[in-house]
């Protein structure tokens, strides 16, 4: 009798993996635009074959203007008892050439695995977005894309963090929070290259409020950068009003404050996005800047969007901020500043 019970138990255990509910999907984005940039300051050095002159005014095809082109794999496995395993592998693509994005990393956008519980939250490990960056990006009217991407002026330290452990709470009374720790993995110096980040969100009805924090140590932990962001939106149905404030203290003397005012106006299959950003440089150099941006999108279908976007950056006291698609001068091209005006016309398809 005991042998029969043991055999039945072994059969049940061996069958368990086959009974687990699992799902893997392939997804992606292809986004291409024609971008025209102008307003660049030409280089003043004597051109050579090794170091040519820089103009910076250009018309080119640009990948990932609205959203970074990518292909990804996403999966879940039901472990029972409210638990599931999740994973994401996401590779960035430069769709205009077919090359890999994120400096050639195979899964440079995201690469993580984790456990999720409906009541306890989600724990993920790997290369993933920092909470402070996501808190900012999900508020920013341009979604950190188009000619007038918010990151043209806003700091984006901790955008993606390697070797990261992140915990996300379940949503309770409209409140969700994240906390992240990124191992620096420097031998004999556990503080070097370390990342610490967190965010909290409140969303109830038309009101959404987000706040985020990120600290990143330098390569030997002798200095660090700190970024704070807080903002929110209120959906009046005919228009969504957005305001975001940021504080950035970087390595060395870097110190600035950012303010964004924005709006999203939907009508039918169309949406108008508008934003104004002011960069207040609090250092002695006082290199302030501001940016105006305007975007129109049209939903050709649930998966395909056509868009047109324009932006203008104004620099003061030698600041050199630029628009999203502007070609940057290389080291040694003295006097050169990238484009400060841009117009792009593009198409994004997701699958």
C-alpha atoms as a PDB file:
ATOM      1  CA  UNK A   1       0.000   0.000   0.000  1.00  0.00           C
ATOM      2  CA  UNK A   2       2.830   2.390   0.955  1.00  0.00           C
ATOM      3  CA  UNK A   3       4.613   1.617  -2.343  1.00  0.00           C
ATOM      4  CA  UNK A   4       1.437   2.447  -4.288  1.00  0.00           C
ATOM      5  CA  UNK A   5       1.042   5.805  -2.509  1.00  0.00           C
ATOM      6  CA  UNK A   6       4.698   6.689  -3.134  1.00  0.00           C
ATOM      7  CA  UNK A   7       4.404   5.821  -6.817  1.00  0.00           C
ATOM      8  CA  UNK A   8       1.301   7.996  -7.153  1.00  0.00           C
ATOM      9  CA  UNK A   9       3.063  10.914  -5.451  1.00  0.00           C
ATOM     10  CA  UNK A  10       6.086  10.608  -7.772  1.00  0.00           C
ATOM     11  CA  UNK A  11       3.817  10.557 -10.823  1.00  0.00           C
ATOM     12  CA  UNK A  12       2.018  13.679  -9.596  1.00  0.00           C
ATOM     13  CA  UNK A  13       5.324  15.544  -9.054  1.00  0.00           C
ATOM     14  CA  UNK A  14       6.676  14.600 -12.469  1.00  0.00           C
ATOM     15  CA  UNK A  15       3.466  15.790 -14.133  1.00  0.00           C
ATOM     16  CA  UNK A  16       3.477  19.180 -12.377  1.00  0.00           C
ATOM     17  CA  UNK A  17       5.712  21.000 -14.918  1.00  0.00           C
ATOM     18  CA  UNK A  18       3.489  19.855 -17.766  1.00  0.00           C
ATOM     19  CA  UNK A  19       0.410  21.248 -16.000  1.00  0.00           C
ATOM     20  CA  UNK A  20       1.939  24.704 -15.384  1.00  0.00           C
ATOM     21  CA  UNK A  21       0.339  27.448 -17.469  1.00  0.00           C
ATOM     22  CA  UNK A  22       2.971  29.260 -19.561  1.00  0.00           C
ATOM     23  CA  UNK A  23       2.829  31.869 -22.294  1.00  0.00           C
ATOM     24  CA  UNK A  24       5.556  33.429 -24.456  1.00  0.00           C
ATOM     25  CA  UNK A  25       4.908  36.218 -26.961  1.00  0.00           C
ATOM     26  CA  UNK A  26       7.014  38.049 -29.540  1.00  0.00           C
ATOM     27  CA  UNK A  27       6.417  41.783 -29.916  1.00  0.00           C
ATOM     28  CA  UNK A  28       8.106  44.763 -31.481  1.00  0.00           C
ATOM     29  CA  UNK A  29       8.080  48.310 -32.793  1.00  0.00           C
ATOM     30  CA  UNK A  30       9.266  49.692 -36.127  1.00  0.00           C
ATOM     31  CA  UNK A  31       9.518  53.477 -36.091  1.00  0.00           C
ATOM     32  CA  UNK A  32      11.063  55.559 -38.861  1.00  0.00           C
ATOM     33  CA  UNK A  33      10.930  59.243 -39.687  1.00  0.00           C
ATOM     34  CA  UNK A  34      12.550  61.793 -41.957  1.00  0.00           C
ATOM     35  CA  UNK A  35      14.177  64.352 -39.668  1.00  0.00           C
ATOM     36  CA  UNK A  36      15.377  67.793 -40.715  1.00  0.00           C
ATOM     37  CA  UNK A  37      17.616  69.565 -38.213  1.00  0.00           C
ATOM     38  CA  UNK A  38      18.963  73.116 -38.394  1.00  0.00           C
ATOM     39  CA  UNK A  39      20.274  75.874 -36.162  1.00  0.00           C
ATOM     40  CA  UNK A  40      23.651  74.202 -35.619  1.00  0.00           C
ATOM     41  CA  UNK A  41      26.819  76.236 -35.110  1.00  0.00           C
ATOM     42  CA  UNK A  42      29.545  75.156 -37.541  1.00  0.00           C
ATOM     43  CA  UNK A  43      32.974  74.191 -36.265  1.00  0.00           C
ATOM     44  CA  UNK A  44      35.746  76.806 -36.264  1.00  0.00           C
ATOM     45  CA  UNK A  45      38.783  74.514 -36.419  1.00  0.00           C
ATOM     46  CA  UNK A  46      40.870  73.973 -39.566  1.00  0.00           C
ATOM     47  CA  UNK A  47      39.400  70.865 -41.258  1.00  0.00           C
ATOM     48  CA  UNK A  48      41.623  67.840 -41.862  1.00  0.00           C
ATOM     49  CA  UNK A  49      40.994  64.357 -43.249  1.00  0.00           C
ATOM     50  CA  UNK A  50      41.056  62.970 -39.717  1.00  0.00           C
ATOM     51  CA  UNK A  51      38.918  65.771 -38.288  1.00  0.00           C
ATOM     52  CA  UNK A  52      36.561  67.216 -40.928  1.00  0.00           C
ATOM     53  CA  UNK A  53      34.464  70.337 -40.572  1.00  0.00           C
ATOM     54  CA  UNK A  54      31.107  70.105 -38.772  1.00  0.00           C
ATOM     55  CA  UNK A  55      27.940  71.713 -40.076  1.00  0.00           C
ATOM     56  CA  UNK A  56      25.241  69.885 -38.113  1.00  0.00           C
ATOM     57  CA  UNK A  57      22.359  70.983 -40.348  1.00  0.00           C
ATOM     58  CA  UNK A  58      21.040  67.784 -41.834  1.00  0.00           C
ATOM     59  CA  UNK A  59      18.126  65.890 -43.394  1.00  0.00           C
ATOM     60  CA  UNK A  60      18.210  62.187 -42.646  1.00  0.00           C
ATOM     61  CA  UNK A  61      16.208  59.063 -41.884  1.00  0.00           C
ATOM     62  CA  UNK A  62      15.903  58.489 -38.156  1.00  0.00           C
ATOM     63  CA  UNK A  63      14.960  55.286 -36.339  1.00  0.00           C
ATOM     64  CA  UNK A  64      12.960  55.453 -33.139  1.00  0.00           C
ATOM     65  CA  UNK A  65      11.711  59.034 -33.215  1.00  0.00           C
ATOM     66  CA  UNK A  66       8.420  58.276 -31.429  1.00  0.00           C
ATOM     67  CA  UNK A  67       9.436  54.971 -29.836  1.00  0.00           C
ATOM     68  CA  UNK A  68      12.695  53.074 -30.060  1.00  0.00           C
ATOM     69  CA  UNK A  69      12.511  50.364 -32.730  1.00  0.00           C
ATOM     70  CA  UNK A  70      12.802  46.950 -31.086  1.00  0.00           C
ATOM     71  CA  UNK A  71      12.009  43.269 -31.033  1.00  0.00           C
ATOM     72  CA  UNK A  72      11.244  41.534 -27.776  1.00  0.00           C
ATOM     73  CA  UNK A  73      10.219  38.314 -26.090  1.00  0.00           C
ATOM     74  CA  UNK A  74       7.916  38.378 -23.084  1.00  0.00           C
ATOM     75  CA  UNK A  75       6.719  35.405 -21.074  1.00  0.00           C
ATOM     76  CA  UNK A  76       4.852  34.262 -17.983  1.00  0.00           C
ATOM     77  CA  UNK A  77       4.439  30.933 -16.222  1.00  0.00           C
ATOM     78  CA  UNK A  78       1.681  30.271 -13.717  1.00  0.00           C
ATOM     79  CA  UNK A  79       3.245  28.687 -10.626  1.00  0.00           C
ATOM     80  CA  UNK A  80      -0.040  28.356  -8.760  1.00  0.00           C
ATOM     81  CA  UNK A  81      -1.145  29.937  -5.510  1.00  0.00           C
ATOM     82  CA  UNK A  82      -1.216  33.406  -7.103  1.00  0.00           C
ATOM     83  CA  UNK A  83       2.472  33.232  -8.091  1.00  0.00           C
ATOM     84  CA  UNK A  84       3.913  33.481 -11.596  1.00  0.00           C
ATOM     85  CA  UNK A  85       7.330  33.725 -13.219  1.00  0.00           C
ATOM     86  CA  UNK A  86       7.830  36.603 -15.675  1.00  0.00           C
ATOM     87  CA  UNK A  87      10.629  37.513 -18.070  1.00  0.00           C
ATOM     88  CA  UNK A  88      11.437  40.063 -20.773  1.00  0.00           C
ATOM     89  CA  UNK A  89      14.229  40.096 -23.360  1.00  0.00           C
ATOM     90  CA  UNK A  90      14.152  43.230 -25.544  1.00  0.00           C
ATOM     91  CA  UNK A  91      16.632  44.156 -28.260  1.00  0.00           C
ATOM     92  CA  UNK A  92      16.955  47.670 -29.687  1.00  0.00           C
ATOM     93  CA  UNK A  93      17.114  48.032 -33.473  1.00  0.00           C
ATOM     94  CA  UNK A  94      18.172  50.899 -35.717  1.00  0.00           C
ATOM     95  CA  UNK A  95      15.482  50.289 -38.327  1.00  0.00           C
ATOM     96  CA  UNK A  96      17.055  52.652 -40.858  1.00  0.00           C
ATOM     97  CA  UNK A  97      20.145  50.414 -41.179  1.00  0.00           C
ATOM     98  CA  UNK A  98      19.206  47.161 -39.429  1.00  0.00           C
ATOM     99  CA  UNK A  99      22.035  47.609 -36.934  1.00  0.00           C
ATOM    100  CA  UNK A 100      21.756  46.950 -33.216  1.00  0.00           C
ATOM    101  CA  UNK A 101      21.021  49.861 -30.895  1.00  0.00           C
ATOM    102  CA  UNK A 102      22.264  50.451 -27.307  1.00  0.00           C
ATOM    103  CA  UNK A 103      25.924  50.243 -28.377  1.00  0.00           C
ATOM    104  CA  UNK A 104      25.473  46.801 -29.904  1.00  0.00           C
ATOM    105  CA  UNK A 105      24.121  45.015 -26.811  1.00  0.00           C
ATOM    106  CA  UNK A 106      22.101  41.941 -27.766  1.00  0.00           C
ATOM    107  CA  UNK A 107      19.246  42.759 -25.380  1.00  0.00           C
ATOM    108  CA  UNK A 108      20.198  46.322 -24.595  1.00  0.00           C
ATOM    109  CA  UNK A 109      16.714  47.642 -23.871  1.00  0.00           C
ATOM    110  CA  UNK A 110      15.663  45.123 -21.218  1.00  0.00           C
ATOM    111  CA  UNK A 111      16.755  41.710 -19.949  1.00  0.00           C
ATOM    112  CA  UNK A 112      15.187  40.541 -16.696  1.00  0.00           C
ATOM    113  CA  UNK A 113      13.427  37.657 -14.936  1.00  0.00           C
ATOM    114  CA  UNK A 114      11.256  37.765 -11.845  1.00  0.00           C
ATOM    115  CA  UNK A 115       8.425  36.556  -9.654  1.00  0.00           C
ATOM    116  CA  UNK A 116       4.986  38.146  -9.447  1.00  0.00           C
ATOM    117  CA  UNK A 117       2.240  37.747  -6.879  1.00  0.00           C
ATOM    118  CA  UNK A 118      -1.120  39.458  -7.102  1.00  0.00           C
ATOM    119  CA  UNK A 119      -1.137  40.334  -3.391  1.00  0.00           C
ATOM    120  CA  UNK A 120       2.589  40.703  -2.612  1.00  0.00           C
ATOM    121  CA  UNK A 121       3.918  42.519  -5.679  1.00  0.00           C
ATOM    122  CA  UNK A 122       6.671  41.878  -8.234  1.00  0.00           C
ATOM    123  CA  UNK A 123      10.408  41.238  -7.830  1.00  0.00           C
ATOM    124  CA  UNK A 124      12.611  41.407 -10.957  1.00  0.00           C
ATOM    125  CA  UNK A 125      16.337  40.922 -11.544  1.00  0.00           C
ATOM    126  CA  UNK A 126      18.473  42.041 -14.504  1.00  0.00           C
ATOM    127  CA  UNK A 127      18.826  45.035 -16.820  1.00  0.00           C
ATOM    128  CA  UNK A 128      15.723  47.192 -16.397  1.00  0.00           C
ATOM    129  CA  UNK A 129      14.376  50.734 -16.298  1.00  0.00           C
ATOM    130  CA  UNK A 130      15.044  52.836 -13.212  1.00  0.00           C
ATOM    131  CA  UNK A 131      11.950  53.934 -11.233  1.00  0.00           C
ATOM    132  CA  UNK A 132      12.775  57.667 -11.373  1.00  0.00           C
ATOM    133  CA  UNK A 133      13.190  57.601 -15.165  1.00  0.00           C
ATOM    134  CA  UNK A 134       9.904  55.745 -15.642  1.00  0.00           C
ATOM    135  CA  UNK A 135       8.085  58.119 -13.281  1.00  0.00           C
ATOM    136  CA  UNK A 136       9.270  61.020 -15.447  1.00  0.00           C
ATOM    137  CA  UNK A 137       8.786  59.362 -18.856  1.00  0.00           C
ATOM    138  CA  UNK A 138       5.212  58.248 -18.172  1.00  0.00           C
ATOM    139  CA  UNK A 139       4.260  61.861 -17.372  1.00  0.00           C
ATOM    140  CA  UNK A 140       6.225  63.593 -20.151  1.00  0.00           C
ATOM    141  CA  UNK A 141       3.831  64.589 -22.993  1.00  0.00           C
ATOM    142  CA  UNK A 142       6.215  63.445 -25.747  1.00  0.00           C
ATOM    143  CA  UNK A 143       6.908  60.105 -23.991  1.00  0.00           C
ATOM    144  CA  UNK A 144      10.622  60.986 -24.336  1.00  0.00           C
ATOM    145  CA  UNK A 145      10.344  60.905 -28.125  1.00  0.00           C
ATOM    146  CA  UNK A 146       9.726  63.156 -31.153  1.00  0.00           C
ATOM    147  CA  UNK A 147      11.748  66.270 -32.018  1.00  0.00           C
ATOM    148  CA  UNK A 148      11.023  67.812 -28.628  1.00  0.00           C
ATOM    149  CA  UNK A 149      11.753  64.813 -26.397  1.00  0.00           C
ATOM    150  CA  UNK A 150      11.899  65.852 -22.764  1.00  0.00           C
ATOM    151  CA  UNK A 151      15.352  64.308 -22.405  1.00  0.00           C
ATOM    152  CA  UNK A 152      16.718  67.037 -24.673  1.00  0.00           C
ATOM    153  CA  UNK A 153      16.858  69.118 -21.469  1.00  0.00           C
ATOM    154  CA  UNK A 154      15.823  66.863 -18.581  1.00  0.00           C
ATOM    155  CA  UNK A 155      18.479  64.632 -16.979  1.00  0.00           C
ATOM    156  CA  UNK A 156      17.924  60.891 -17.527  1.00  0.00           C
ATOM    157  CA  UNK A 157      20.430  59.246 -15.176  1.00  0.00           C
ATOM    158  CA  UNK A 158      19.325  55.722 -14.320  1.00  0.00           C
ATOM    159  CA  UNK A 159      17.368  55.219 -17.530  1.00  0.00           C
ATOM    160  CA  UNK A 160      18.441  51.590 -17.713  1.00  0.00           C
ATOM    161  CA  UNK A 161      20.309  49.930 -14.858  1.00  0.00           C
ATOM    162  CA  UNK A 162      22.440  46.792 -15.127  1.00  0.00           C
ATOM    163  CA  UNK A 163      22.637  44.141 -12.383  1.00  0.00           C
ATOM    164  CA  UNK A 164      19.473  45.576 -10.829  1.00  0.00           C
ATOM    165  CA  UNK A 165      16.987  44.187  -8.317  1.00  0.00           C
ATOM    166  CA  UNK A 166      13.613  45.964  -8.414  1.00  0.00           C
ATOM    167  CA  UNK A 167      10.520  45.498  -6.278  1.00  0.00           C
ATOM    168  CA  UNK A 168       7.097  46.852  -7.281  1.00  0.00           C
ATOM    169  CA  UNK A 169       4.274  46.907  -4.776  1.00  0.00           C
ATOM    170  CA  UNK A 170       0.712  45.924  -5.646  1.00  0.00           C
ATOM    171  CA  UNK A 171      -1.638  48.871  -6.139  1.00  0.00           C
ATOM    172  CA  UNK A 172      -3.486  49.807  -2.949  1.00  0.00           C
ATOM    173  CA  UNK A 173      -6.036  52.646  -2.891  1.00  0.00           C
ATOM    174  CA  UNK A 174      -4.518  53.999  -6.104  1.00  0.00           C
ATOM    175  CA  UNK A 175      -0.920  53.966  -4.786  1.00  0.00           C
ATOM    176  CA  UNK A 176       1.955  51.975  -6.331  1.00  0.00           C
ATOM    177  CA  UNK A 177       5.641  52.166  -5.398  1.00  0.00           C
ATOM    178  CA  UNK A 178       8.976  50.890  -6.788  1.00  0.00           C
ATOM    179  CA  UNK A 179      12.422  50.505  -5.260  1.00  0.00           C
ATOM    180  CA  UNK A 180      15.613  49.508  -7.113  1.00  0.00           C
ATOM    181  CA  UNK A 181      19.178  48.591  -6.170  1.00  0.00           C
ATOM    182  CA  UNK A 182      21.826  48.241  -8.883  1.00  0.00           C
ATOM    183  CA  UNK A 183      25.031  46.414  -8.002  1.00  0.00           C
ATOM    184  CA  UNK A 184      28.113  48.279  -9.215  1.00  0.00           C
ATOM    185  CA  UNK A 185      30.114  45.042  -9.403  1.00  0.00           C
ATOM    186  CA  UNK A 186      33.484  46.730  -8.879  1.00  0.00           C
ATOM    187  CA  UNK A 187      35.943  44.456  -7.080  1.00  0.00           C
ATOM    188  CA  UNK A 188      36.831  45.611  -3.542  1.00  0.00           C
ATOM    189  CA  UNK A 189      34.493  48.621  -3.762  1.00  0.00           C
ATOM    190  CA  UNK A 190      30.840  47.701  -3.442  1.00  0.00           C
ATOM    191  CA  UNK A 191      29.750  51.365  -3.536  1.00  0.00           C
ATOM    192  CA  UNK A 192      31.387  52.111  -6.921  1.00  0.00           C
ATOM    193  CA  UNK A 193      28.904  52.426  -9.836  1.00  0.00           C
ATOM    194  CA  UNK A 194      26.059  51.638  -7.458  1.00  0.00           C
ATOM    195  CA  UNK A 195      22.491  52.755  -8.297  1.00  0.00           C
ATOM    196  CA  UNK A 196      19.636  53.332  -5.843  1.00  0.00           C
ATOM    197  CA  UNK A 197      16.221  54.412  -7.084  1.00  0.00           C
ATOM    198  CA  UNK A 198      12.590  54.632  -6.040  1.00  0.00           C
ATOM    199  CA  UNK A 199       9.249  56.047  -7.140  1.00  0.00           C
ATOM    200  CA  UNK A 200       5.669  56.344  -5.982  1.00  0.00           C
ATOM    201  CA  UNK A 201       2.499  56.909  -8.002  1.00  0.00           C
ATOM    202  CA  UNK A 202      -1.039  57.860  -7.077  1.00  0.00           C
ATOM    203  CA  UNK A 203      -3.691  57.412  -9.765  1.00  0.00           C
ATOM    204  CA  UNK A 204      -7.381  57.845  -9.085  1.00  0.00           C
ATOM    205  CA  UNK A 205      -9.894  58.999 -11.676  1.00  0.00           C
ATOM    206  CA  UNK A 206      -8.573  61.899 -13.775  1.00  0.00           C
ATOM    207  CA  UNK A 207      -5.685  62.697 -11.372  1.00  0.00           C
ATOM    208  CA  UNK A 208      -2.227  61.105 -11.543  1.00  0.00           C
ATOM    209  CA  UNK A 209       0.743  62.122  -9.380  1.00  0.00           C
ATOM    210  CA  UNK A 210       4.260  60.632  -9.625  1.00  0.00           C
ATOM    211  CA  UNK A 211       7.500  61.228  -7.765  1.00  0.00           C
ATOM    212  CA  UNK A 212      10.900  59.607  -8.222  1.00  0.00           C
ATOM    213  CA  UNK A 213      14.462  59.554  -6.876  1.00  0.00           C
ATOM    214  CA  UNK A 214      17.712  58.208  -8.309  1.00  0.00           C
ATOM    215  CA  UNK A 215      21.287  58.198  -6.988  1.00  0.00           C
ATOM    216  CA  UNK A 216      24.219  56.956  -9.049  1.00  0.00           C
ATOM    217  CA  UNK A 217      27.770  56.672  -7.706  1.00  0.00           C
ATOM    218  CA  UNK A 218      30.752  57.289  -9.966  1.00  0.00           C
ATOM    219  CA  UNK A 219      33.341  54.657 -10.921  1.00  0.00           C
ATOM    220  CA  UNK A 220      35.256  54.843  -7.630  1.00  0.00           C
ATOM    221  CA  UNK A 221      32.444  56.072  -5.308  1.00  0.00           C
ATOM    222  CA  UNK A 222      34.130  59.426  -4.662  1.00  0.00           C
ATOM    223  CA  UNK A 223      31.148  61.363  -6.023  1.00  0.00           C
ATOM    224  CA  UNK A 224      27.567  60.784  -7.110  1.00  0.00           C
ATOM    225  CA  UNK A 225      24.663  62.267  -9.039  1.00  0.00           C
ATOM    226  CA  UNK A 226      21.216  62.695  -7.517  1.00  0.00           C
ATOM    227  CA  UNK A 227      17.973  63.268  -9.417  1.00  0.00           C
ATOM    228  CA  UNK A 228      14.495  64.043  -8.090  1.00  0.00           C
ATOM    229  CA  UNK A 229      11.323  64.400 -10.113  1.00  0.00           C
ATOM    230  CA  UNK A 230       7.747  65.167  -9.136  1.00  0.00           C
ATOM    231  CA  UNK A 231       4.768  65.919 -11.309  1.00  0.00           C
ATOM    232  CA  UNK A 232       1.272  65.078 -12.258  1.00  0.00           C
ATOM    233  CA  UNK A 233      -1.535  65.321 -14.740  1.00  0.00           C
ATOM    234  CA  UNK A 234      -5.238  66.024 -14.663  1.00  0.00           C
ATOM    235  CA  UNK A 235      -7.461  64.766 -17.456  1.00  0.00           C
ATOM    236  CA  UNK A 236     -10.227  67.243 -18.253  1.00  0.00           C
ATOM    237  CA  UNK A 237     -11.266  64.918 -21.156  1.00  0.00           C
ATOM    238  CA  UNK A 238     -10.913  67.663 -23.752  1.00  0.00           C
ATOM    239  CA  UNK A 239      -7.323  68.254 -22.607  1.00  0.00           C
ATOM    240  CA  UNK A 240      -4.889  66.602 -20.217  1.00  0.00           C
ATOM    241  CA  UNK A 241      -2.780  69.188 -18.360  1.00  0.00           C
ATOM    242  CA  UNK A 242       0.724  68.163 -17.239  1.00  0.00           C
ATOM    243  CA  UNK A 243       3.330  69.727 -14.953  1.00  0.00           C
ATOM    244  CA  UNK A 244       6.726  68.222 -13.991  1.00  0.00           C
ATOM    245  CA  UNK A 245       9.554  69.550 -11.858  1.00  0.00           C
ATOM    246  CA  UNK A 246      13.056  68.118 -11.609  1.00  0.00           C
ATOM    247  CA  UNK A 247      16.164  68.675  -9.482  1.00  0.00           C
ATOM    248  CA  UNK A 248      19.587  67.442 -10.615  1.00  0.00           C
ATOM    249  CA  UNK A 249      22.852  67.494  -8.728  1.00  0.00           C
ATOM    250  CA  UNK A 250      25.525  65.723 -10.712  1.00  0.00           C
ATOM    251  CA  UNK A 251      29.153  64.851 -10.228  1.00  0.00           C
ATOM    252  CA  UNK A 252      31.397  67.838  -9.693  1.00  0.00           C
ATOM    253  CA  UNK A 253      29.535  71.165  -9.655  1.00  0.00           C
ATOM    254  CA  UNK A 254      26.550  70.158 -11.827  1.00  0.00           C
ATOM    255  CA  UNK A 255      23.368  71.649 -10.379  1.00  0.00           C
ATOM    256  CA  UNK A 256      20.147  72.432 -12.241  1.00  0.00           C
ATOM    257  CA  UNK A 257      16.372  72.634 -11.943  1.00  0.00           C
ATOM    258  CA  UNK A 258      13.890  71.663 -14.655  1.00  0.00           C
ATOM    259  CA  UNK A 259      10.272  72.689 -15.204  1.00  0.00           C
ATOM    260  CA  UNK A 260       7.932  71.241 -17.831  1.00  0.00           C
ATOM    261  CA  UNK A 261       4.436  72.455 -18.709  1.00  0.00           C
ATOM    262  CA  UNK A 262       2.551  70.279 -21.169  1.00  0.00           C
ATOM    263  CA  UNK A 263      -0.764  69.291 -22.651  1.00  0.00           C
ATOM    264  CA  UNK A 264      -2.318  66.407 -24.562  1.00  0.00           C
ATOM    265  CA  UNK A 265      -5.397  67.211 -26.655  1.00  0.00           C
ATOM    266  CA  UNK A 266      -7.210  64.205 -28.206  1.00  0.00           C
ATOM    267  CA  UNK A 267      -9.898  64.550 -30.853  1.00  0.00           C
ATOM    268  CA  UNK A 268     -11.115  61.572 -32.842  1.00  0.00           C
ATOM    269  CA  UNK A 269      -8.167  59.616 -34.199  1.00  0.00           C
ATOM    270  CA  UNK A 270      -5.870  62.608 -33.714  1.00  0.00           C
ATOM    271  CA  UNK A 271      -3.880  63.951 -30.776  1.00  0.00           C
ATOM    272  CA  UNK A 272      -1.972  67.208 -30.348  1.00  0.00           C
ATOM    273  CA  UNK A 273       0.912  67.202 -27.858  1.00  0.00           C
ATOM    274  CA  UNK A 274       2.571  70.394 -26.633  1.00  0.00           C
ATOM    275  CA  UNK A 275       5.286  71.133 -24.105  1.00  0.00           C
ATOM    276  CA  UNK A 276       7.511  73.893 -22.779  1.00  0.00           C
ATOM    277  CA  UNK A 277      10.664  73.078 -20.776  1.00  0.00           C
ATOM    278  CA  UNK A 278      12.893  75.470 -18.874  1.00  0.00           C
ATOM    279  CA  UNK A 279      16.364  74.397 -17.747  1.00  0.00           C
ATOM    280  CA  UNK A 280      17.657  76.550 -14.878  1.00  0.00           C
ATOM    281  CA  UNK A 281      21.417  76.076 -14.490  1.00  0.00           C
ATOM    282  CA  UNK A 282      22.326  76.985 -10.909  1.00  0.00           C
ATOM    283  CA  UNK A 283      26.093  76.898 -11.395  1.00  0.00           C
ATOM    284  CA  UNK A 284      28.288  79.977 -11.819  1.00  0.00           C
ATOM    285  CA  UNK A 285      28.195  79.511 -15.627  1.00  0.00           C
ATOM    286  CA  UNK A 286      24.373  79.948 -15.595  1.00  0.00           C
ATOM    287  CA  UNK A 287      23.939  77.983 -18.837  1.00  0.00           C
ATOM    288  CA  UNK A 288      20.143  78.131 -19.015  1.00  0.00           C
ATOM    289  CA  UNK A 289      18.015  76.807 -21.874  1.00  0.00           C
ATOM    290  CA  UNK A 290      14.393  76.377 -22.875  1.00  0.00           C
ATOM    291  CA  UNK A 291      12.515  74.298 -25.423  1.00  0.00           C
ATOM    292  CA  UNK A 292       9.175  74.566 -27.204  1.00  0.00           C
ATOM    293  CA  UNK A 293       7.727  71.434 -28.815  1.00  0.00           C
ATOM    294  CA  UNK A 294       4.578  70.592 -30.765  1.00  0.00           C
ATOM    295  CA  UNK A 295       3.500  67.197 -32.137  1.00  0.00           C
ATOM    296  CA  UNK A 296       0.525  65.876 -34.114  1.00  0.00           C
ATOM    297  CA  UNK A 297      -0.293  62.150 -34.223  1.00  0.00           C
ATOM    298  CA  UNK A 298      -2.931  60.315 -36.235  1.00  0.00           C
ATOM    299  CA  UNK A 299      -4.016  56.732 -35.488  1.00  0.00           C
ATOM    300  CA  UNK A 300      -4.215  54.914 -38.810  1.00  0.00           C
ATOM    301  CA  UNK A 301      -5.149  51.799 -36.798  1.00  0.00           C
ATOM    302  CA  UNK A 302      -4.674  50.398 -33.293  1.00  0.00           C
ATOM    303  CA  UNK A 303      -1.085  49.499 -34.218  1.00  0.00           C
ATOM    304  CA  UNK A 304      -0.017  52.169 -36.710  1.00  0.00           C
ATOM    305  CA  UNK A 305       0.513  55.884 -36.024  1.00  0.00           C
ATOM    306  CA  UNK A 306       1.557  58.659 -38.410  1.00  0.00           C
ATOM    307  CA  UNK A 307       3.104  61.751 -36.858  1.00  0.00           C
ATOM    308  CA  UNK A 308       4.650  65.158 -37.440  1.00  0.00           C
ATOM    309  CA  UNK A 309       6.699  66.956 -34.827  1.00  0.00           C
ATOM    310  CA  UNK A 310       8.700  70.147 -34.413  1.00  0.00           C
ATOM    311  CA  UNK A 311      10.835  71.675 -31.658  1.00  0.00           C
ATOM    312  CA  UNK A 312      13.107  74.610 -30.981  1.00  0.00           C
ATOM    313  CA  UNK A 313      15.804  74.894 -28.293  1.00  0.00           C
ATOM    314  CA  UNK A 314      17.163  78.257 -27.130  1.00  0.00           C
ATOM    315  CA  UNK A 315      20.549  78.194 -25.346  1.00  0.00           C
ATOM    316  CA  UNK A 316      22.030  80.887 -23.138  1.00  0.00           C
ATOM    317  CA  UNK A 317      25.559  81.663 -21.917  1.00  0.00           C
ATOM    318  CA  UNK A 318      27.203  78.916 -23.954  1.00  0.00           C
ATOM    319  CA  UNK A 319      24.776  76.080 -23.180  1.00  0.00           C
ATOM    320  CA  UNK A 320      24.713  73.449 -25.937  1.00  0.00           C
ATOM    321  CA  UNK A 321      21.412  71.583 -25.616  1.00  0.00           C
ATOM    322  CA  UNK A 322      19.941  70.268 -28.870  1.00  0.00           C
ATOM    323  CA  UNK A 323      16.899  68.582 -30.423  1.00  0.00           C
ATOM    324  CA  UNK A 324      16.293  64.835 -30.507  1.00  0.00           C
ATOM    325  CA  UNK A 325      17.711  63.888 -33.920  1.00  0.00           C
ATOM    326  CA  UNK A 326      20.537  66.437 -34.078  1.00  0.00           C
ATOM    327  CA  UNK A 327      23.934  65.099 -35.170  1.00  0.00           C
ATOM    328  CA  UNK A 328      26.526  65.799 -32.468  1.00  0.00           C
ATOM    329  CA  UNK A 329      30.030  67.176 -33.111  1.00  0.00           C
ATOM    330  CA  UNK A 330      32.889  64.794 -32.370  1.00  0.00           C
ATOM    331  CA  UNK A 331      35.752  65.508 -30.006  1.00  0.00           C
ATOM    332  CA  UNK A 332      38.076  68.122 -31.472  1.00  0.00           C
ATOM    333  CA  UNK A 333      35.496  69.879 -33.663  1.00  0.00           C
ATOM    334  CA  UNK A 334      35.882  73.149 -31.755  1.00  0.00           C
ATOM    335  CA  UNK A 335      33.150  75.755 -31.791  1.00  0.00           C
ATOM    336  CA  UNK A 336      30.599  73.223 -33.056  1.00  0.00           C
ATOM    337  CA  UNK A 337      27.106  72.965 -31.511  1.00  0.00           C
ATOM    338  CA  UNK A 338      24.413  70.511 -32.643  1.00  0.00           C
ATOM    339  CA  UNK A 339      21.079  71.487 -34.222  1.00  0.00           C
ATOM    340  CA  UNK A 340      18.591  73.512 -32.173  1.00  0.00           C
ATOM    341  CA  UNK A 341      15.590  73.327 -34.531  1.00  0.00           C
ATOM    342  CA  UNK A 342      13.971  70.170 -35.856  1.00  0.00           C
ATOM    343  CA  UNK A 343      11.026  68.896 -37.858  1.00  0.00           C
ATOM    344  CA  UNK A 344      10.234  65.236 -38.379  1.00  0.00           C
ATOM    345  CA  UNK A 345       7.580  63.285 -40.247  1.00  0.00           C
ATOM    346  CA  UNK A 346       7.240  59.596 -39.504  1.00  0.00           C
ATOM    347  CA  UNK A 347       5.391  56.321 -39.116  1.00  0.00           C
ATOM    348  CA  UNK A 348       5.329  53.888 -36.186  1.00  0.00           C
ATOM    349  CA  UNK A 349       3.988  50.326 -36.347  1.00  0.00           C
ATOM    350  CA  UNK A 350       3.812  47.979 -33.374  1.00  0.00           C
ATOM    351  CA  UNK A 351       3.198  44.241 -33.439  1.00  0.00           C
END
